[in-house]
Amino acid sequence: MPATSKAQQMAAGAALSAKRGETKKSELKGASREMYESMSEKQLEEFAETKRKGLPKKKKDD
């Protein structure tokens, strides 16, 4: 499942970095911390690898 916004893609990248031990979990805030705790590394990879071109800055509420 690809990310639906630039913010979501960047949060997934931060969470993935922490999952891999490249950054500290304590440095995560907000959505990236929630993603770290609730998603697997494979799920985070799918979100983080989404190309940002053409994505909105934030996801619109339905």
PDB file of N, CA and C in Angstrom:
ATOM      1  N   MET A   1       0.849  -1.178   0.000  1.00  0.00           N
ATOM      2  CA  MET A   1       0.000   0.000   0.000  1.00  0.00           C
ATOM      3  C   MET A   1       0.892   1.238   0.000  1.00  0.00           C
ATOM      4  N   PRO A   2       0.796   2.060  -1.005  1.00  0.00           N
ATOM      5  CA  PRO A   2       1.641   3.257  -1.060  1.00  0.00           C
ATOM      6  C   PRO A   2       1.116   4.373  -0.150  1.00  0.00           C
ATOM      7  N   ALA A   3       2.006   5.270   0.199  1.00  0.00           N
ATOM      8  CA  ALA A   3       1.631   6.436   1.000  1.00  0.00           C
ATOM      9  C   ALA A   3       0.713   7.328   0.178  1.00  0.00           C
ATOM     10  N   THR A   4      -0.200   8.041   0.859  1.00  0.00           N
ATOM     11  CA  THR A   4      -1.148   8.902   0.159  1.00  0.00           C
ATOM     12  C   THR A   4      -0.794  10.378   0.269  1.00  0.00           C
ATOM     13  N   SER A   5       0.302  10.692   0.979  1.00  0.00           N
ATOM     14  CA  SER A   5       0.744  12.082   1.093  1.00  0.00           C
ATOM     15  C   SER A   5       2.243  12.117   1.365  1.00  0.00           C
ATOM     16  N   LYS A   6       2.836  13.292   1.148  1.00  0.00           N
ATOM     17  CA  LYS A   6       4.261  13.465   1.426  1.00  0.00           C
ATOM     18  C   LYS A   6       4.543  13.293   2.916  1.00  0.00           C
ATOM     19  N   ALA A   7       3.661  13.815   3.750  1.00  0.00           N
ATOM     20  CA  ALA A   7       3.852  13.711   5.199  1.00  0.00           C
ATOM     21  C   ALA A   7       3.845  12.253   5.646  1.00  0.00           C
ATOM     22  N   GLN A   8       2.933  11.455   5.086  1.00  0.00           N
ATOM     23  CA  GLN A   8       2.845  10.039   5.430  1.00  0.00           C
ATOM     24  C   GLN A   8       4.099   9.296   4.964  1.00  0.00           C
ATOM     25  N   GLN A   9       4.601   9.630   3.793  1.00  0.00           N
ATOM     26  CA  GLN A   9       5.789   8.982   3.262  1.00  0.00           C
ATOM     27  C   GLN A   9       7.008   9.301   4.121  1.00  0.00           C
ATOM     28  N   MET A  10       7.128  10.554   4.542  1.00  0.00           N
ATOM     29  CA  MET A  10       8.271  10.961   5.368  1.00  0.00           C
ATOM     30  C   MET A  10       8.195  10.343   6.762  1.00  0.00           C
ATOM     31  N   ALA A  11       7.001  10.252   7.336  1.00  0.00           N
ATOM     32  CA  ALA A  11       6.835   9.624   8.653  1.00  0.00           C
ATOM     33  C   ALA A  11       7.203   8.150   8.588  1.00  0.00           C
ATOM     34  N   ALA A  12       6.811   7.488   7.506  1.00  0.00           N
ATOM     35  CA  ALA A  12       7.156   6.077   7.338  1.00  0.00           C
ATOM     36  C   ALA A  12       8.671   5.905   7.217  1.00  0.00           C
ATOM     37  N   GLY A  13       9.327   6.817   6.524  1.00  0.00           N
ATOM     38  CA  GLY A  13      10.781   6.749   6.405  1.00  0.00           C
ATOM     39  C   GLY A  13      11.478   6.896   7.745  1.00  0.00           C
ATOM     40  N   ALA A  14      10.978   7.799   8.574  1.00  0.00           N
ATOM     41  CA  ALA A  14      11.555   7.992   9.909  1.00  0.00           C
ATOM     42  C   ALA A  14      11.340   6.749  10.771  1.00  0.00           C
ATOM     43  N   ALA A  15      10.134   6.185  10.717  1.00  0.00           N
ATOM     44  CA  ALA A  15       9.837   4.986  11.500  1.00  0.00           C
ATOM     45  C   ALA A  15      10.678   3.802  11.023  1.00  0.00           C
ATOM     46  N   LEU A  16      10.853   3.677   9.726  1.00  0.00           N
ATOM     47  CA  LEU A  16      11.667   2.597   9.169  1.00  0.00           C
ATOM     48  C   LEU A  16      13.118   2.727   9.621  1.00  0.00           C
ATOM     49  N   SER A  17      13.617   3.927   9.647  1.00  0.00           N
ATOM     50  CA  SER A  17      14.985   4.169  10.106  1.00  0.00           C
ATOM     51  C   SER A  17      15.159   3.714  11.557  1.00  0.00           C
ATOM     52  N   ALA A  18      14.167   3.984  12.380  1.00  0.00           N
ATOM     53  CA  ALA A  18      14.230   3.562  13.781  1.00  0.00           C
ATOM     54  C   ALA A  18      14.114   2.042  13.898  1.00  0.00           C
ATOM     55  N   LYS A  19      13.254   1.433  13.092  1.00  0.00           N
ATOM     56  CA  LYS A  19      13.104  -0.036  13.124  1.00  0.00           C
ATOM     57  C   LYS A  19      14.419  -0.722  12.785  1.00  0.00           C
ATOM     58  N   ARG A  20      15.158  -0.119  11.872  1.00  0.00           N
ATOM     59  CA  ARG A  20      16.428  -0.703  11.451  1.00  0.00           C
ATOM     60  C   ARG A  20      17.579  -0.355  12.388  1.00  0.00           C
ATOM     61  N   GLY A  21      17.323   0.488  13.385  1.00  0.00           N
ATOM     62  CA  GLY A  21      18.343   0.851  14.346  1.00  0.00           C
ATOM     63  C   GLY A  21      19.244   1.981  13.897  1.00  0.00           C
ATOM     64  N   GLU A  22      18.878   2.661  12.824  1.00  0.00           N
ATOM     65  CA  GLU A  22      19.697   3.761  12.310  1.00  0.00           C
ATOM     66  C   GLU A  22      19.477   5.048  13.103  1.00  0.00           C
ATOM     67  N   THR A  23      18.294   5.193  13.684  1.00  0.00           N
ATOM     68  CA  THR A  23      18.000   6.323  14.567  1.00  0.00           C
ATOM     69  C   THR A  23      17.357   5.777  15.834  1.00  0.00           C
ATOM     70  N   LYS A  24      17.292   6.606  16.847  1.00  0.00           N
ATOM     71  CA  LYS A  24      16.719   6.179  18.121  1.00  0.00           C
ATOM     72  C   LYS A  24      15.201   6.306  18.109  1.00  0.00           C
ATOM     73  N   LYS A  25      14.537   5.359  18.746  1.00  0.00           N
ATOM     74  CA  LYS A  25      13.075   5.398  18.850  1.00  0.00           C
ATOM     75  C   LYS A  25      12.636   6.650  19.591  1.00  0.00           C
ATOM     76  N   SER A  26      13.434   7.101  20.541  1.00  0.00           N
ATOM     77  CA  SER A  26      13.081   8.280  21.339  1.00  0.00           C
ATOM     78  C   SER A  26      13.047   9.562  20.515  1.00  0.00           C
ATOM     79  N   GLU A  27      13.649   9.554  19.322  1.00  0.00           N
ATOM     80  CA  GLU A  27      13.634  10.728  18.452  1.00  0.00           C
ATOM     81  C   GLU A  27      12.348  10.835  17.640  1.00  0.00           C
ATOM     82  N   LEU A  28      11.548   9.764  17.617  1.00  0.00           N
ATOM     83  CA  LEU A  28      10.311   9.766  16.842  1.00  0.00           C
ATOM     84  C   LEU A  28       9.214  10.528  17.577  1.00  0.00           C
ATOM     85  N   LYS A  29       8.362  11.203  16.791  1.00  0.00           N
ATOM     86  CA  LYS A  29       7.241  11.948  17.352  1.00  0.00           C
ATOM     87  C   LYS A  29       6.003  11.698  16.509  1.00  0.00           C
ATOM     88  N   GLY A  30       4.851  11.822  17.106  1.00  0.00           N
ATOM     89  CA  GLY A  30       3.585  11.786  16.386  1.00  0.00           C
ATOM     90  C   GLY A  30       3.367  10.554  15.538  1.00  0.00           C
ATOM     91  N   ALA A  31       3.060  10.781  14.257  1.00  0.00           N
ATOM     92  CA  ALA A  31       2.697   9.702  13.344  1.00  0.00           C
ATOM     93  C   ALA A  31       3.822   8.690  13.163  1.00  0.00           C
ATOM     94  N   SER A  32       5.059   9.161  13.120  1.00  0.00           N
ATOM     95  CA  SER A  32       6.164   8.224  12.915  1.00  0.00           C
ATOM     96  C   SER A  32       6.304   7.266  14.096  1.00  0.00           C
ATOM     97  N   ARG A  33       6.046   7.742  15.309  1.00  0.00           N
ATOM     98  CA  ARG A  33       6.101   6.865  16.482  1.00  0.00           C
ATOM     99  C   ARG A  33       4.970   5.840  16.429  1.00  0.00           C
ATOM    100  N   GLU A  34       3.786   6.275  16.043  1.00  0.00           N
ATOM    101  CA  GLU A  34       2.650   5.351  15.928  1.00  0.00           C
ATOM    102  C   GLU A  34       2.920   4.296  14.856  1.00  0.00           C
ATOM    103  N   MET A  35       3.487   4.722  13.742  1.00  0.00           N
ATOM    104  CA  MET A  35       3.815   3.782  12.668  1.00  0.00           C
ATOM    105  C   MET A  35       4.866   2.785  13.138  1.00  0.00           C
ATOM    106  N   TYR A  36       5.857   3.243  13.868  1.00  0.00           N
ATOM    107  CA  TYR A  36       6.917   2.376  14.384  1.00  0.00           C
ATOM    108  C   TYR A  36       6.323   1.260  15.232  1.00  0.00           C
ATOM    109  N   GLU A  37       5.362   1.616  16.082  1.00  0.00           N
ATOM    110  CA  GLU A  37       4.796   0.654  17.015  1.00  0.00           C
ATOM    111  C   GLU A  37       3.771  -0.278  16.379  1.00  0.00           C
ATOM    112  N   SER A  38       3.092   0.170  15.328  1.00  0.00           N
ATOM    113  CA  SER A  38       1.981  -0.618  14.803  1.00  0.00           C
ATOM    114  C   SER A  38       2.244  -1.316  13.466  1.00  0.00           C
ATOM    115  N   MET A  39       3.349  -1.012  12.808  1.00  0.00           N
ATOM    116  CA  MET A  39       3.588  -1.569  11.484  1.00  0.00           C
ATOM    117  C   MET A  39       4.863  -2.403  11.443  1.00  0.00           C
ATOM    118  N   SER A  40       4.875  -3.378  10.533  1.00  0.00           N
ATOM    119  CA  SER A  40       6.068  -4.198  10.359  1.00  0.00           C
ATOM    120  C   SER A  40       7.076  -3.449   9.477  1.00  0.00           C
ATOM    121  N   GLU A  41       8.289  -3.953   9.437  1.00  0.00           N
ATOM    122  CA  GLU A  41       9.318  -3.322   8.610  1.00  0.00           C
ATOM    123  C   GLU A  41       8.929  -3.367   7.130  1.00  0.00           C
ATOM    124  N   LYS A  42       8.325  -4.462   6.714  1.00  0.00           N
ATOM    125  CA  LYS A  42       7.904  -4.591   5.310  1.00  0.00           C
ATOM    126  C   LYS A  42       6.827  -3.556   4.962  1.00  0.00           C
ATOM    127  N   GLN A  43       5.863  -3.356   5.841  1.00  0.00           N
ATOM    128  CA  GLN A  43       4.823  -2.354   5.607  1.00  0.00           C
ATOM    129  C   GLN A  43       5.427  -0.957   5.524  1.00  0.00           C
ATOM    130  N   LEU A  44       6.354  -0.673   6.426  1.00  0.00           N
ATOM    131  CA  LEU A  44       7.002   0.639   6.422  1.00  0.00           C
ATOM    132  C   LEU A  44       7.795   0.854   5.140  1.00  0.00           C
ATOM    133  N   GLU A  45       8.445  -0.190   4.649  1.00  0.00           N
ATOM    134  CA  GLU A  45       9.190  -0.084   3.396  1.00  0.00           C
ATOM    135  C   GLU A  45       8.264   0.300   2.250  1.00  0.00           C
ATOM    136  N   GLU A  46       7.082  -0.310   2.205  1.00  0.00           N
ATOM    137  CA  GLU A  46       6.123  -0.018   1.141  1.00  0.00           C
ATOM    138  C   GLU A  46       5.685   1.448   1.172  1.00  0.00           C
ATOM    139  N   PHE A  47       5.455   1.973   2.359  1.00  0.00           N
ATOM    140  CA  PHE A  47       5.061   3.376   2.492  1.00  0.00           C
ATOM    141  C   PHE A  47       6.227   4.297   2.154  1.00  0.00           C
ATOM    142  N   ALA A  48       7.401   3.975   2.659  1.00  0.00           N
ATOM    143  CA  ALA A  48       8.559   4.852   2.505  1.00  0.00           C
ATOM    144  C   ALA A  48       9.073   4.905   1.068  1.00  0.00           C
ATOM    145  N   GLU A  49       8.897   3.845   0.297  1.00  0.00           N
ATOM    146  CA  GLU A  49       9.430   3.839  -1.065  1.00  0.00           C
ATOM    147  C   GLU A  49       8.522   4.552  -2.060  1.00  0.00           C
ATOM    148  N   THR A  50       7.369   5.019  -1.632  1.00  0.00           N
ATOM    149  CA  THR A  50       6.459   5.758  -2.504  1.00  0.00           C
ATOM    150  C   THR A  50       7.139   7.032  -2.999  1.00  0.00           C
ATOM    151  N   LYS A  51       7.057   7.276  -4.284  1.00  0.00           N
ATOM    152  CA  LYS A  51       7.616   8.503  -4.857  1.00  0.00           C
ATOM    153  C   LYS A  51       6.770   9.692  -4.417  1.00  0.00           C
ATOM    154  N   ARG A  52       7.407  10.794  -4.066  1.00  0.00           N
ATOM    155  CA  ARG A  52       6.695  11.973  -3.571  1.00  0.00           C
ATOM    156  C   ARG A  52       6.088  12.830  -4.673  1.00  0.00           C
ATOM    157  N   LYS A  53       6.604  12.694  -5.876  1.00  0.00           N
ATOM    158  CA  LYS A  53       6.130  13.530  -6.972  1.00  0.00           C
ATOM    159  C   LYS A  53       4.628  13.302  -7.193  1.00  0.00           C
ATOM    160  N   GLY A  54       3.872  14.380  -7.170  1.00  0.00           N
ATOM    161  CA  GLY A  54       2.436  14.306  -7.404  1.00  0.00           C
ATOM    162  C   GLY A  54       1.596  14.061  -6.165  1.00  0.00           C
ATOM    163  N   LEU A  55       2.231  13.796  -5.022  1.00  0.00           N
ATOM    164  CA  LEU A  55       1.472  13.586  -3.793  1.00  0.00           C
ATOM    165  C   LEU A  55       1.159  14.925  -3.131  1.00  0.00           C
ATOM    166  N   PRO A  56       0.005  15.028  -2.469  1.00  0.00           N
ATOM    167  CA  PRO A  56      -0.287  16.251  -1.718  1.00  0.00           C
ATOM    168  C   PRO A  56       0.589  16.298  -0.463  1.00  0.00           C
ATOM    169  N   LYS A  57       0.766  17.506   0.108  1.00  0.00           N
ATOM    170  CA  LYS A  57       1.574  17.635   1.323  1.00  0.00           C
ATOM    171  C   LYS A  57       0.952  16.849   2.472  1.00  0.00           C
ATOM    172  N   LYS A  58      -0.354  16.951   2.617  1.00  0.00           N
ATOM    173  CA  LYS A  58      -1.069  16.240   3.671  1.00  0.00           C
ATOM    174  C   LYS A  58      -2.262  15.520   3.074  1.00  0.00           C
ATOM    175  N   LYS A  59      -2.662  14.446   3.732  1.00  0.00           N
ATOM    176  CA  LYS A  59      -3.814  13.682   3.299  1.00  0.00           C
ATOM    177  C   LYS A  59      -5.080  14.469   3.611  1.00  0.00           C
ATOM    178  N   LYS A  60      -5.994  14.541   2.670  1.00  0.00           N
ATOM    179  CA  LYS A  60      -7.252  15.242   2.891  1.00  0.00           C
ATOM    180  C   LYS A  60      -8.192  14.353   3.690  1.00  0.00           C
ATOM    181  N   ASP A  61      -8.918  14.954   4.638  1.00  0.00           N
ATOM    182  CA  ASP A  61      -9.917  14.208   5.399  1.00  0.00           C
ATOM    183  C   ASP A  61     -11.143  13.994   4.531  1.00  0.00           C
ATOM    184  N   ASP A  62     -11.677  12.787   4.575  1.00  0.00           N
ATOM    185  CA  ASP A  62     -12.869  12.472   3.768  1.00  0.00           C
ATOM    186  C   ASP A  62     -14.137  12.887   4.469  1.00  0.00           C
TER     187      ASP A  62
END
